[in-house]
PDB file of N, CA and C in Angstrom:
ATOM      1  N   MET A   1     -24.747  68.711 210.219  1.00  0.00           N
ATOM      2  CA  MET A   1     -24.322  67.270 210.041  1.00  0.00           C
ATOM      3  C   MET A   1     -25.140  66.385 210.424  1.00  0.00           C
ATOM      4  N   ILE A   2     -25.835  65.421 209.653  1.00  0.00           N
ATOM      5  CA  ILE A   2     -26.386  64.101 210.415  1.00  0.00           C
ATOM      6  C   ILE A   2     -25.663  63.156 209.286  1.00  0.00           C
ATOM      7  N   ALA A   3     -25.009  62.095 210.280  1.00  0.00           N
ATOM      8  CA  ALA A   3     -24.630  60.979 209.658  1.00  0.00           C
ATOM      9  C   ALA A   3     -25.565  59.923 209.408  1.00  0.00           C
ATOM     10  N   ALA A   4     -25.188  59.092 208.482  1.00  0.00           N
ATOM     11  CA  ALA A   4     -25.875  58.278 207.955  1.00  0.00           C
ATOM     12  C   ALA A   4     -26.218  57.382 208.864  1.00  0.00           C
ATOM     13  N   SER A   5     -25.213  56.891 209.685  1.00  0.00           N
ATOM     14  CA  SER A   5     -25.222  56.041 210.971  1.00  0.00           C
ATOM     15  C   SER A   5     -26.226  56.329 212.114  1.00  0.00           C
ATOM     16  N   GLU A   6     -26.600  57.900 212.189  1.00  0.00           N
ATOM     17  CA  GLU A   6     -27.450  57.938 213.054  1.00  0.00           C
ATOM     18  C   GLU A   6     -28.643  57.247 213.189  1.00  0.00           C
ATOM     19  N   THR A   7     -29.309  56.678 214.286  1.00  0.00           N
ATOM     20  CA  THR A   7     -30.580  55.976 214.586  1.00  0.00           C
ATOM     21  C   THR A   7     -31.568  56.808 215.223  1.00  0.00           C
ATOM     22  N   ALA A   8     -31.266  58.002 215.757  1.00  0.00           N
ATOM     23  CA  ALA A   8     -32.527  58.656 216.253  1.00  0.00           C
ATOM     24  C   ALA A   8     -32.770  60.123 215.347  1.00  0.00           C
ATOM     25  N   TRP A   9     -33.911  60.638 215.578  1.00  0.00           N
ATOM     26  CA  TRP A   9     -34.484  62.005 214.968  1.00  0.00           C
ATOM     27  C   TRP A   9     -33.488  63.079 215.847  1.00  0.00           C
ATOM     28  N   ARG A  10     -33.247  63.858 214.869  1.00  0.00           N
ATOM     29  CA  ARG A  10     -32.379  65.082 215.624  1.00  0.00           C
ATOM     30  C   ARG A  10     -33.371  66.552 215.742  1.00  0.00           C
ATOM     31  N   GLY A  11     -33.171  66.937 216.583  1.00  0.00           N
ATOM     32  CA  GLY A  11     -33.688  68.230 216.886  1.00  0.00           C
ATOM     33  C   GLY A  11     -32.929  69.331 215.754  1.00  0.00           C
ATOM     34  N   SER A  12     -33.877  70.409 215.233  1.00  0.00           N
ATOM     35  CA  SER A  12     -33.224  71.276 214.217  1.00  0.00           C
ATOM     36  C   SER A  12     -32.751  72.471 214.989  1.00  0.00           C
ATOM     37  N   GLY A  13     -33.552  72.754 216.286  1.00  0.00           N
ATOM     38  CA  GLY A  13     -33.684  74.052 216.647  1.00  0.00           C
ATOM     39  C   GLY A  13     -34.668  75.021 216.300  1.00  0.00           C
ATOM     40  N   LEU A  14     -35.169  74.922 215.289  1.00  0.00           N
ATOM     41  CA  LEU A  14     -36.313  75.665 214.870  1.00  0.00           C
ATOM     42  C   LEU A  14     -37.385  75.057 215.593  1.00  0.00           C
ATOM     43  N   VAL A  15     -38.084  76.196 216.432  1.00  0.00           N
ATOM     44  CA  VAL A  15     -39.583  75.680 216.922  1.00  0.00           C
ATOM     45  C   VAL A  15     -40.544  76.541 215.997  1.00  0.00           C
ATOM     46  N   VAL A  16     -41.589  75.665 215.560  1.00  0.00           N
ATOM     47  CA  VAL A  16     -42.639  76.433 214.591  1.00  0.00           C
ATOM     48  C   VAL A  16     -43.904  76.258 215.529  1.00  0.00           C
ATOM     49  N   THR A  17     -44.860  77.141 214.734  1.00  0.00           N
ATOM     50  CA  THR A  17     -46.167  77.211 215.247  1.00  0.00           C
ATOM     51  C   THR A  17     -46.987  76.561 213.960  1.00  0.00           C
ATOM     52  N   ALA A  18     -47.825  75.899 214.220  1.00  0.00           N
ATOM     53  CA  ALA A  18     -48.884  75.269 213.249  1.00  0.00           C
ATOM     54  C   ALA A  18     -49.378  76.451 212.136  1.00  0.00           C
ATOM     55  N   GLY A  19     -49.171  76.177 211.039  1.00  0.00           N
ATOM     56  CA  GLY A  19     -49.694  77.376 210.115  1.00  0.00           C
ATOM     57  C   GLY A  19     -48.238  78.085 209.641  1.00  0.00           C
ATOM     58  N   GLU A  20     -47.145  78.254 210.221  1.00  0.00           N
ATOM     59  CA  GLU A  20     -46.094  78.619 209.629  1.00  0.00           C
ATOM     60  C   GLU A  20     -45.437  78.105 208.936  1.00  0.00           C
ATOM     61  N   ARG A  21     -44.784  78.889 207.915  1.00  0.00           N
ATOM     62  CA  ARG A  21     -43.999  78.011 206.708  1.00  0.00           C
ATOM     63  C   ARG A  21     -42.343  78.001 207.225  1.00  0.00           C
ATOM     64  N   PHE A  22     -42.024  76.971 206.796  1.00  0.00           N
ATOM     65  CA  PHE A  22     -40.248  76.452 206.898  1.00  0.00           C
ATOM     66  C   PHE A  22     -39.686  75.810 205.834  1.00  0.00           C
ATOM     67  N   ALA A  23     -38.437  76.196 205.660  1.00  0.00           N
ATOM     68  CA  ALA A  23     -37.857  75.597 204.693  1.00  0.00           C
ATOM     69  C   ALA A  23     -36.688  74.510 205.071  1.00  0.00           C
ATOM     70  N   VAL A  24     -36.661  73.393 204.475  1.00  0.00           N
ATOM     71  CA  VAL A  24     -35.617  72.464 204.776  1.00  0.00           C
ATOM     72  C   VAL A  24     -34.632  72.150 203.668  1.00  0.00           C
ATOM     73  N   SER A  25     -33.421  72.510 203.705  1.00  0.00           N
ATOM     74  CA  SER A  25     -32.571  72.311 202.530  1.00  0.00           C
ATOM     75  C   SER A  25     -31.488  71.290 202.879  1.00  0.00           C
ATOM     76  N   ALA A  26     -31.218  70.478 202.230  1.00  0.00           N
ATOM     77  CA  ALA A  26     -30.107  69.247 202.401  1.00  0.00           C
ATOM     78  C   ALA A  26     -29.051  69.521 201.147  1.00  0.00           C
ATOM     79  N   ARG A  27     -27.852  68.973 201.341  1.00  0.00           N
ATOM     80  CA  ARG A  27     -26.661  68.652 200.667  1.00  0.00           C
ATOM     81  C   ARG A  27     -25.966  67.852 201.121  1.00  0.00           C
ATOM     82  N   GLY A  28     -25.359  66.497 200.211  1.00  0.00           N
ATOM     83  CA  GLY A  28     -24.522  65.695 200.581  1.00  0.00           C
ATOM     84  C   GLY A  28     -25.050  64.347 200.189  1.00  0.00           C
ATOM     85  N   ALA A  29     -24.741  63.392 200.676  1.00  0.00           N
ATOM     86  CA  ALA A  29     -25.022  62.121 199.961  1.00  0.00           C
ATOM     87  C   ALA A  29     -24.904  60.966 200.971  1.00  0.00           C
ATOM     88  N   ILE A  30     -25.557  59.989 200.976  1.00  0.00           N
ATOM     89  CA  ILE A  30     -25.529  58.845 201.631  1.00  0.00           C
ATOM     90  C   ILE A  30     -25.123  57.635 200.556  1.00  0.00           C
ATOM     91  N   TRP A  31     -23.783  56.900 200.785  1.00  0.00           N
ATOM     92  CA  TRP A  31     -23.532  56.053 200.379  1.00  0.00           C
ATOM     93  C   TRP A  31     -23.981  54.797 200.637  1.00  0.00           C
ATOM     94  N   LEU A  32     -24.637  54.027 199.383  1.00  0.00           N
ATOM     95  CA  LEU A  32     -25.030  52.346 199.874  1.00  0.00           C
ATOM     96  C   LEU A  32     -23.803  51.620 199.347  1.00  0.00           C
ATOM     97  N   SER A  33     -22.865  52.069 198.316  1.00  0.00           N
ATOM     98  CA  SER A  33     -21.770  51.533 197.905  1.00  0.00           C
ATOM     99  C   SER A  33     -20.901  52.490 197.388  1.00  0.00           C
ATOM    100  N   LYS A  34     -19.836  53.037 197.705  1.00  0.00           N
ATOM    101  CA  LYS A  34     -18.761  53.608 197.148  1.00  0.00           C
ATOM    102  C   LYS A  34     -18.036  52.988 196.068  1.00  0.00           C
ATOM    103  N   LEU A  35     -17.713  51.723 196.253  1.00  0.00           N
ATOM    104  CA  LEU A  35     -16.978  50.747 195.089  1.00  0.00           C
ATOM    105  C   LEU A  35     -17.853  50.787 193.824  1.00  0.00           C
ATOM    106  N   LEU A  36     -19.306  50.809 193.985  1.00  0.00           N
ATOM    107  CA  LEU A  36     -20.372  50.735 192.819  1.00  0.00           C
ATOM    108  C   LEU A  36     -20.896  51.784 192.565  1.00  0.00           C
ATOM    109  N   GLY A  37     -20.403  53.140 192.962  1.00  0.00           N
ATOM    110  CA  GLY A  37     -20.934  54.344 192.952  1.00  0.00           C
ATOM    111  C   GLY A  37     -22.645  54.661 193.195  1.00  0.00           C
ATOM    112  N   VAL A  38     -22.999  53.578 194.159  1.00  0.00           N
ATOM    113  CA  VAL A  38     -24.508  53.754 194.562  1.00  0.00           C
ATOM    114  C   VAL A  38     -24.714  54.765 195.698  1.00  0.00           C
ATOM    115  N   VAL A  39     -25.342  55.857 195.244  1.00  0.00           N
ATOM    116  CA  VAL A  39     -25.590  57.019 196.158  1.00  0.00           C
ATOM    117  C   VAL A  39     -26.999  57.214 196.306  1.00  0.00           C
ATOM    118  N   MET A  40     -27.668  57.599 197.615  1.00  0.00           N
ATOM    119  CA  MET A  40     -28.811  58.512 197.690  1.00  0.00           C
ATOM    120  C   MET A  40     -28.875  59.848 197.933  1.00  0.00           C
ATOM    121  N   GLU A  41     -29.500  60.670 197.228  1.00  0.00           N
ATOM    122  CA  GLU A  41     -29.760  62.099 197.401  1.00  0.00           C
ATOM    123  C   GLU A  41     -30.215  62.355 198.642  1.00  0.00           C
ATOM    124  N   PRO A  42     -30.265  63.512 199.100  1.00  0.00           N
ATOM    125  CA  PRO A  42     -31.015  63.876 200.309  1.00  0.00           C
ATOM    126  C   PRO A  42     -32.446  63.683 200.076  1.00  0.00           C
ATOM    127  N   LYS A  43     -32.986  63.995 199.104  1.00  0.00           N
ATOM    128  CA  LYS A  43     -34.432  64.056 199.169  1.00  0.00           C
ATOM    129  C   LYS A  43     -34.891  62.483 198.972  1.00  0.00           C
ATOM    130  N   SER A  44     -33.939  61.541 198.795  1.00  0.00           N
ATOM    131  CA  SER A  44     -34.294  60.069 198.963  1.00  0.00           C
ATOM    132  C   SER A  44     -34.286  59.615 200.457  1.00  0.00           C
ATOM    133  N   THR A  45     -33.663  60.067 201.451  1.00  0.00           N
ATOM    134  CA  THR A  45     -33.479  59.728 202.528  1.00  0.00           C
ATOM    135  C   THR A  45     -33.784  60.610 203.715  1.00  0.00           C
ATOM    136  N   ARG A  46     -34.092  61.772 203.412  1.00  0.00           N
ATOM    137  CA  ARG A  46     -34.604  62.378 204.464  1.00  0.00           C
ATOM    138  C   ARG A  46     -35.980  62.871 204.856  1.00  0.00           C
ATOM    139  N   TRP A  47     -36.270  62.954 206.132  1.00  0.00           N
ATOM    140  CA  TRP A  47     -37.487  62.819 206.827  1.00  0.00           C
ATOM    141  C   TRP A  47     -37.741  64.092 207.479  1.00  0.00           C
ATOM    142  N   VAL A  48     -38.738  64.804 207.792  1.00  0.00           N
ATOM    143  CA  VAL A  48     -38.848  65.784 208.594  1.00  0.00           C
ATOM    144  C   VAL A  48     -40.415  65.577 209.775  1.00  0.00           C
ATOM    145  N   ARG A  49     -40.223  65.858 210.903  1.00  0.00           N
ATOM    146  CA  ARG A  49     -41.484  65.643 212.015  1.00  0.00           C
ATOM    147  C   ARG A  49     -41.427  67.001 212.617  1.00  0.00           C
ATOM    148  N   VAL A  50     -42.594  67.200 213.243  1.00  0.00           N
ATOM    149  CA  VAL A  50     -42.593  68.358 214.262  1.00  0.00           C
ATOM    150  C   VAL A  50     -42.993  67.232 215.428  1.00  0.00           C
ATOM    151  N   ALA A  51     -41.896  67.707 216.466  1.00  0.00           N
ATOM    152  CA  ALA A  51     -41.793  67.019 217.805  1.00  0.00           C
ATOM    153  C   ALA A  51     -43.273  66.720 218.217  1.00  0.00           C
ATOM    154  N   GLY A  52     -43.431  65.751 218.808  1.00  0.00           N
ATOM    155  CA  GLY A  52     -44.912  65.396 219.397  1.00  0.00           C
ATOM    156  C   GLY A  52     -46.050  65.254 218.436  1.00  0.00           C
ATOM    157  N   ALA A  53     -46.017  65.383 217.096  1.00  0.00           N
ATOM    158  CA  ALA A  53     -46.962  65.532 216.180  1.00  0.00           C
ATOM    159  C   ALA A  53     -46.970  63.912 215.728  1.00  0.00           C
ATOM    160  N   THR A  54     -48.172  63.261 215.508  1.00  0.00           N
ATOM    161  CA  THR A  54     -48.256  61.974 214.891  1.00  0.00           C
ATOM    162  C   THR A  54     -48.166  61.941 213.395  1.00  0.00           C
ATOM    163  N   GLU A  55     -47.361  62.927 212.636  1.00  0.00           N
ATOM    164  CA  GLU A  55     -47.165  62.910 211.389  1.00  0.00           C
ATOM    165  C   GLU A  55     -45.787  63.046 211.021  1.00  0.00           C
ATOM    166  N   ILE A  56     -45.154  62.379 210.198  1.00  0.00           N
ATOM    167  CA  ILE A  56     -43.836  62.554 209.387  1.00  0.00           C
ATOM    168  C   ILE A  56     -44.015  63.060 208.107  1.00  0.00           C
ATOM    169  N   ALA A  57     -43.047  63.532 207.560  1.00  0.00           N
ATOM    170  CA  ALA A  57     -43.541  64.116 206.114  1.00  0.00           C
ATOM    171  C   ALA A  57     -42.053  63.731 205.298  1.00  0.00           C
ATOM    172  N   LYS A  58     -42.039  63.478 203.927  1.00  0.00           N
ATOM    173  CA  LYS A  58     -41.175  63.470 203.168  1.00  0.00           C
ATOM    174  C   LYS A  58     -40.959  64.300 202.048  1.00  0.00           C
ATOM    175  N   PRO A  59     -39.635  65.250 202.238  1.00  0.00           N
ATOM    176  CA  PRO A  59     -39.575  65.982 201.178  1.00  0.00           C
ATOM    177  C   PRO A  59     -39.603  65.661 199.746  1.00  0.00           C
ATOM    178  N   ALA A  60     -40.184  66.621 199.002  1.00  0.00           N
ATOM    179  CA  ALA A  60     -40.234  65.821 197.527  1.00  0.00           C
ATOM    180  C   ALA A  60     -38.949  66.215 196.908  1.00  0.00           C
ATOM    181  N   ASP A  61     -38.108  67.163 197.527  1.00  0.00           N
ATOM    182  CA  ASP A  61     -36.982  67.575 196.623  1.00  0.00           C
ATOM    183  C   ASP A  61     -35.925  68.024 197.621  1.00  0.00           C
ATOM    184  N   ASN A  62     -34.467  68.295 197.444  1.00  0.00           N
ATOM    185  CA  ASN A  62     -33.595  68.749 198.287  1.00  0.00           C
ATOM    186  C   ASN A  62     -33.695  69.924 199.078  1.00  0.00           C
ATOM    187  N   ASP A  63     -34.599  70.698 198.528  1.00  0.00           N
ATOM    188  CA  ASP A  63     -35.015  72.138 199.037  1.00  0.00           C
ATOM    189  C   ASP A  63     -36.441  72.086 198.935  1.00  0.00           C
ATOM    190  N   HIS A  64     -36.896  72.096 200.206  1.00  0.00           N
ATOM    191  CA  HIS A  64     -38.486  72.113 200.290  1.00  0.00           C
ATOM    192  C   HIS A  64     -39.216  72.840 201.224  1.00  0.00           C
ATOM    193  N   VAL A  65     -40.279  73.464 201.162  1.00  0.00           N
ATOM    194  CA  VAL A  65     -40.945  74.393 201.940  1.00  0.00           C
ATOM    195  C   VAL A  65     -42.129  73.812 202.583  1.00  0.00           C
ATOM    196  N   PHE A  66     -42.374  73.476 203.762  1.00  0.00           N
ATOM    197  CA  PHE A  66     -43.562  72.950 204.407  1.00  0.00           C
ATOM    198  C   PHE A  66     -44.371  73.950 205.036  1.00  0.00           C
ATOM    199  N   THR A  67     -45.568  73.795 205.337  1.00  0.00           N
ATOM    200  CA  THR A  67     -46.544  74.556 206.299  1.00  0.00           C
ATOM    201  C   THR A  67     -46.321  73.588 207.477  1.00  0.00           C
ATOM    202  N   ALA A  68     -46.264  74.115 208.601  1.00  0.00           N
ATOM    203  CA  ALA A  68     -46.254  73.421 210.138  1.00  0.00           C
ATOM    204  C   ALA A  68     -47.412  72.932 210.323  1.00  0.00           C
ATOM    205  N   TRP A  69     -47.486  71.540 210.707  1.00  0.00           N
ATOM    206  CA  TRP A  69     -48.792  70.998 210.797  1.00  0.00           C
ATOM    207  C   TRP A  69     -48.967  70.920 212.274  1.00  0.00           C
ATOM    208  N   ALA A  70     -48.079  71.496 213.277  1.00  0.00           N
ATOM    209  CA  ALA A  70     -48.316  71.401 214.812  1.00  0.00           C
ATOM    210  C   ALA A  70     -47.433  72.334 215.253  1.00  0.00           C
ATOM    211  N   ASP A  71     -47.521  72.612 216.782  1.00  0.00           N
ATOM    212  CA  ASP A  71     -46.522  73.905 217.259  1.00  0.00           C
ATOM    213  C   ASP A  71     -45.552  72.752 217.917  1.00  0.00           C
ATOM    214  N   GLU A  72     -44.101  72.875 217.762  1.00  0.00           N
ATOM    215  CA  GLU A  72     -43.084  72.476 218.412  1.00  0.00           C
ATOM    216  C   GLU A  72     -42.105  72.603 217.604  1.00  0.00           C
ATOM    217  N   GLU A  73     -40.884  71.855 217.810  1.00  0.00           N
ATOM    218  CA  GLU A  73     -39.315  71.778 217.258  1.00  0.00           C
ATOM    219  C   GLU A  73     -39.407  70.883 216.132  1.00  0.00           C
ATOM    220  N   VAL A  74     -39.120  71.417 214.830  1.00  0.00           N
ATOM    221  CA  VAL A  74     -38.991  70.613 213.602  1.00  0.00           C
ATOM    222  C   VAL A  74     -37.700  69.387 213.864  1.00  0.00           C
ATOM    223  N   GLU A  75     -37.850  68.436 213.484  1.00  0.00           N
ATOM    224  CA  GLU A  75     -37.020  67.317 213.847  1.00  0.00           C
ATOM    225  C   GLU A  75     -36.540  66.783 212.263  1.00  0.00           C
ATOM    226  N   LEU A  76     -35.344  66.091 212.357  1.00  0.00           N
ATOM    227  CA  LEU A  76     -34.903  65.539 211.140  1.00  0.00           C
ATOM    228  C   LEU A  76     -34.482  64.129 211.225  1.00  0.00           C
ATOM    229  N   PHE A  77     -34.545  63.347 210.208  1.00  0.00           N
ATOM    230  CA  PHE A  77     -34.043  61.787 210.226  1.00  0.00           C
ATOM    231  C   PHE A  77     -33.485  61.577 208.816  1.00  0.00           C
ATOM    232  N   ILE A  78     -32.492  60.580 208.949  1.00  0.00           N
ATOM    233  CA  ILE A  78     -32.133  60.004 207.592  1.00  0.00           C
ATOM    234  C   ILE A  78     -32.423  58.577 207.862  1.00  0.00           C
ATOM    235  N   LYS A  79     -33.242  58.331 206.611  1.00  0.00           N
ATOM    236  CA  LYS A  79     -33.789  56.968 206.464  1.00  0.00           C
ATOM    237  C   LYS A  79     -33.198  56.285 205.445  1.00  0.00           C
ATOM    238  N   GLY A  80     -32.165  55.299 205.453  1.00  0.00           N
ATOM    239  CA  GLY A  80     -31.770  54.602 204.580  1.00  0.00           C
ATOM    240  C   GLY A  80     -32.573  53.268 203.981  1.00  0.00           C
ATOM    241  N   LEU A  81     -31.975  52.533 204.473  1.00  0.00           N
ATOM    242  CA  LEU A  81     -32.492  51.010 204.076  1.00  0.00           C
ATOM    243  C   LEU A  81     -33.309  50.318 205.272  1.00  0.00           C
ATOM    244  N   SER A  82     -34.164  51.229 205.965  1.00  0.00           N
ATOM    245  CA  SER A  82     -34.879  50.713 207.089  1.00  0.00           C
ATOM    246  C   SER A  82     -36.318  50.801 206.707  1.00  0.00           C
ATOM    247  N   GLU A  83     -36.999  50.346 207.546  1.00  0.00           N
ATOM    248  CA  GLU A  83     -38.540  50.629 207.629  1.00  0.00           C
ATOM    249  C   GLU A  83     -39.216  51.060 208.673  1.00  0.00           C
ATOM    250  N   TRP A  84     -40.504  52.098 208.424  1.00  0.00           N
ATOM    251  CA  TRP A  84     -41.018  52.357 209.352  1.00  0.00           C
ATOM    252  C   TRP A  84     -42.091  51.643 210.324  1.00  0.00           C
ATOM    253  N   ALA A  85     -41.966  51.473 211.515  1.00  0.00           N
ATOM    254  CA  ALA A  85     -42.780  50.590 212.356  1.00  0.00           C
ATOM    255  C   ALA A  85     -44.211  51.361 212.569  1.00  0.00           C
ATOM    256  N   SER A  86     -44.414  52.561 212.250  1.00  0.00           N
ATOM    257  CA  SER A  86     -45.554  53.383 212.616  1.00  0.00           C
ATOM    258  C   SER A  86     -45.327  54.565 211.934  1.00  0.00           C
ATOM    259  N   PRO A  87     -46.615  55.553 211.732  1.00  0.00           N
ATOM    260  CA  PRO A  87     -46.569  56.794 211.148  1.00  0.00           C
ATOM    261  C   PRO A  87     -45.764  57.746 211.910  1.00  0.00           C
ATOM    262  N   ASP A  88     -45.612  57.466 213.328  1.00  0.00           N
ATOM    263  CA  ASP A  88     -45.005  58.456 214.169  1.00  0.00           C
ATOM    264  C   ASP A  88     -43.357  58.499 213.708  1.00  0.00           C
ATOM    265  N   GLY A  89     -42.903  58.003 213.006  1.00  0.00           N
ATOM    266  CA  GLY A  89     -41.402  57.923 212.769  1.00  0.00           C
ATOM    267  C   GLY A  89     -40.537  57.019 213.587  1.00  0.00           C
ATOM    268  N   ASP A  90     -41.529  55.880 214.334  1.00  0.00           N
ATOM    269  CA  ASP A  90     -40.498  54.781 214.742  1.00  0.00           C
ATOM    270  C   ASP A  90     -39.911  53.766 213.764  1.00  0.00           C
ATOM    271  N   LEU A  91     -38.786  53.364 213.855  1.00  0.00           N
ATOM    272  CA  LEU A  91     -38.309  52.168 213.123  1.00  0.00           C
ATOM    273  C   LEU A  91     -38.498  50.763 213.797  1.00  0.00           C
ATOM    274  N   ILE A  92     -38.810  49.806 212.704  1.00  0.00           N
ATOM    275  CA  ILE A  92     -38.900  48.582 213.049  1.00  0.00           C
ATOM    276  C   ILE A  92     -37.835  48.183 214.071  1.00  0.00           C
ATOM    277  N   SER A  93     -36.628  48.408 213.585  1.00  0.00           N
ATOM    278  CA  SER A  93     -35.197  47.986 214.310  1.00  0.00           C
ATOM    279  C   SER A  93     -34.252  49.188 214.291  1.00  0.00           C
ATOM    280  N   THR A  94     -33.629  49.318 215.399  1.00  0.00           N
ATOM    281  CA  THR A  94     -32.632  50.376 215.224  1.00  0.00           C
ATOM    282  C   THR A  94     -31.379  49.736 214.609  1.00  0.00           C
ATOM    283  N   GLN A  95     -31.294  48.438 214.116  1.00  0.00           N
ATOM    284  CA  GLN A  95     -30.264  47.899 213.399  1.00  0.00           C
ATOM    285  C   GLN A  95     -30.213  48.446 212.062  1.00  0.00           C
ATOM    286  N   ARG A  96     -29.571  49.082 211.386  1.00  0.00           N
ATOM    287  CA  ARG A  96     -29.538  49.663 210.162  1.00  0.00           C
ATOM    288  C   ARG A  96     -28.346  49.157 209.046  1.00  0.00           C
ATOM    289  N   ALA A  97     -28.743  49.114 208.022  1.00  0.00           N
ATOM    290  CA  ALA A  97     -27.894  48.292 206.876  1.00  0.00           C
ATOM    291  C   ALA A  97     -26.652  49.382 206.879  1.00  0.00           C
ATOM    292  N   LYS A  98     -25.528  49.002 206.809  1.00  0.00           N
ATOM    293  CA  LYS A  98     -24.125  49.707 206.683  1.00  0.00           C
ATOM    294  C   LYS A  98     -24.251  50.802 205.400  1.00  0.00           C
ATOM    295  N   THR A  99     -24.086  52.082 206.016  1.00  0.00           N
ATOM    296  CA  THR A  99     -24.045  53.032 204.895  1.00  0.00           C
ATOM    297  C   THR A  99     -23.037  53.849 205.330  1.00  0.00           C
ATOM    298  N   THR A 100     -22.578  54.808 204.619  1.00  0.00           N
ATOM    299  CA  THR A 100     -21.647  55.884 205.090  1.00  0.00           C
ATOM    300  C   THR A 100     -22.082  57.417 204.404  1.00  0.00           C
ATOM    301  N   GLY A 101     -21.785  58.648 204.912  1.00  0.00           N
ATOM    302  CA  GLY A 101     -21.707  59.599 204.269  1.00  0.00           C
ATOM    303  C   GLY A 101     -22.742  60.415 205.131  1.00  0.00           C
ATOM    304  N   ALA A 102     -23.218  61.803 205.223  1.00  0.00           N
ATOM    305  CA  ALA A 102     -23.721  62.518 205.775  1.00  0.00           C
ATOM    306  C   ALA A 102     -24.417  63.752 205.062  1.00  0.00           C
ATOM    307  N   LEU A 103     -25.432  64.199 205.561  1.00  0.00           N
ATOM    308  CA  LEU A 103     -26.098  65.394 205.228  1.00  0.00           C
ATOM    309  C   LEU A 103     -25.796  66.866 205.935  1.00  0.00           C
ATOM    310  N   ARG A 104     -25.781  67.737 205.183  1.00  0.00           N
ATOM    311  CA  ARG A 104     -25.851  69.080 205.738  1.00  0.00           C
ATOM    312  C   ARG A 104     -27.100  69.661 205.547  1.00  0.00           C
ATOM    313  N   VAL A 105     -27.992  69.791 206.618  1.00  0.00           N
ATOM    314  CA  VAL A 105     -29.293  70.204 206.552  1.00  0.00           C
ATOM    315  C   VAL A 105     -29.510  71.940 207.282  1.00  0.00           C
ATOM    316  N   ARG A 106     -30.356  72.574 206.280  1.00  0.00           N
ATOM    317  CA  ARG A 106     -30.617  73.877 207.203  1.00  0.00           C
ATOM    318  C   ARG A 106     -32.223  73.923 207.039  1.00  0.00           C
ATOM    319  N   VAL A 107     -32.563  74.130 208.331  1.00  0.00           N
ATOM    320  CA  VAL A 107     -33.914  74.604 208.433  1.00  0.00           C
ATOM    321  C   VAL A 107     -34.194  76.021 208.994  1.00  0.00           C
ATOM    322  N   ALA A 108     -35.188  76.858 208.227  1.00  0.00           N
ATOM    323  CA  ALA A 108     -35.112  78.042 208.798  1.00  0.00           C
ATOM    324  C   ALA A 108     -36.823  78.621 208.409  1.00  0.00           C
ATOM    325  N   ARG A 109     -37.287  79.446 209.081  1.00  0.00           N
ATOM    326  CA  ARG A 109     -38.357  80.125 208.763  1.00  0.00           C
ATOM    327  C   ARG A 109     -38.468  80.667 207.035  1.00  0.00           C
ATOM    328  N   THR A 110     -39.527  80.943 206.543  1.00  0.00           N
ATOM    329  CA  THR A 110     -39.452  81.489 205.436  1.00  0.00           C
ATOM    330  C   THR A 110     -41.044  81.979 204.888  1.00  0.00           C
ATOM    331  N   ASP A 111     -40.940  82.818 204.313  1.00  0.00           N
ATOM    332  CA  ASP A 111     -42.195  83.587 203.533  1.00  0.00           C
ATOM    333  C   ASP A 111     -42.507  82.660 202.160  1.00  0.00           C
ATOM    334  N   ALA A 112     -41.366  82.081 201.867  1.00  0.00           N
ATOM    335  CA  ALA A 112     -41.710  81.437 200.456  1.00  0.00           C
ATOM    336  C   ALA A 112     -43.091  80.559 200.312  1.00  0.00           C
ATOM    337  N   ALA A 113     -43.814  80.361 199.392  1.00  0.00           N
ATOM    338  CA  ALA A 113     -44.733  79.374 199.256  1.00  0.00           C
ATOM    339  C   ALA A 113     -44.270  77.935 199.823  1.00  0.00           C
ATOM    340  N   ALA A 114     -45.345  77.326 199.918  1.00  0.00           N
ATOM    341  CA  ALA A 114     -45.072  75.714 200.281  1.00  0.00           C
ATOM    342  C   ALA A 114     -45.024  74.979 198.989  1.00  0.00           C
ATOM    343  N   THR A 115     -43.977  74.164 199.124  1.00  0.00           N
ATOM    344  CA  THR A 115     -43.672  73.481 198.089  1.00  0.00           C
ATOM    345  C   THR A 115     -45.027  72.337 197.659  1.00  0.00           C
ATOM    346  N   ALA A 116     -45.243  72.532 196.415  1.00  0.00           N
ATOM    347  CA  ALA A 116     -46.422  71.619 195.769  1.00  0.00           C
ATOM    348  C   ALA A 116     -45.800  70.400 195.574  1.00  0.00           C
ATOM    349  N   SER A 117     -46.936  69.452 195.881  1.00  0.00           N
ATOM    350  CA  SER A 117     -46.292  67.871 195.935  1.00  0.00           C
ATOM    351  C   SER A 117     -47.202  67.430 194.565  1.00  0.00           C
ATOM    352  N   ALA A 118     -46.188  66.556 193.914  1.00  0.00           N
ATOM    353  CA  ALA A 118     -46.511  65.916 192.552  1.00  0.00           C
ATOM    354  C   ALA A 118     -47.416  64.606 193.022  1.00  0.00           C
ATOM    355  N   ALA A 119     -47.382  64.158 194.343  1.00  0.00           N
ATOM    356  CA  ALA A 119     -48.036  63.102 194.413  1.00  0.00           C
ATOM    357  C   ALA A 119     -49.474  63.282 194.597  1.00  0.00           C
ATOM    358  N   PRO A 120     -50.145  61.982 194.026  1.00  0.00           N
ATOM    359  CA  PRO A 120     -51.839  62.123 194.123  1.00  0.00           C
ATOM    360  C   PRO A 120     -52.260  62.476 195.514  1.00  0.00           C
ATOM    361  N   ASP A 121     -53.507  62.914 195.541  1.00  0.00           N
ATOM    362  CA  ASP A 121     -54.235  63.426 196.623  1.00  0.00           C
ATOM    363  C   ASP A 121     -54.379  62.016 197.585  1.00  0.00           C
ATOM    364  N   GLY A 122     -54.248  62.326 198.744  1.00  0.00           N
ATOM    365  CA  GLY A 122     -54.136  61.263 199.641  1.00  0.00           C
ATOM    366  C   GLY A 122     -52.857  60.530 199.752  1.00  0.00           C
ATOM    367  N   TRP A 123     -52.075  60.731 198.912  1.00  0.00           N
ATOM    368  CA  TRP A 123     -50.790  59.850 199.026  1.00  0.00           C
ATOM    369  C   TRP A 123     -50.078  60.233 200.261  1.00  0.00           C
ATOM    370  N   ARG A 124     -49.492  59.149 200.933  1.00  0.00           N
ATOM    371  CA  ARG A 124     -48.487  59.351 202.053  1.00  0.00           C
ATOM    372  C   ARG A 124     -47.036  58.485 201.625  1.00  0.00           C
ATOM    373  N   TYR A 125     -45.912  59.171 201.992  1.00  0.00           N
ATOM    374  CA  TYR A 125     -44.621  58.441 201.456  1.00  0.00           C
ATOM    375  C   TYR A 125     -44.299  57.341 202.581  1.00  0.00           C
ATOM    376  N   LEU A 126     -45.292  56.614 203.031  1.00  0.00           N
ATOM    377  CA  LEU A 126     -45.000  55.435 204.259  1.00  0.00           C
ATOM    378  C   LEU A 126     -45.147  54.225 203.332  1.00  0.00           C
TER     379      LEU A 126
END
């Protein structure tokens, strides 16, 4: 489980090698307002990186297959209403908007094909 209030990247326990495929699946919700019923799905808040690499990635859906872009442990982060300071995955501020909830995330090697992105060529979710 990764709580909405966490402010640091969390290791997944899976170490990958560049070119290897891995799946990231998440369930749960991050609540902006339970009173108003405003919730963010995992695909809207979850980010992935390979530790030590200078690239972070945004899954296109709650279940996503990546091709590893570096050798190291896969790390996860929940980014609600905060802003990136750099493409490395640093936040401008560790002060975060108050949200509640958590995501259950599973990371595992897979032989499945990498998820195709519907984003235009060269698009980055930063």
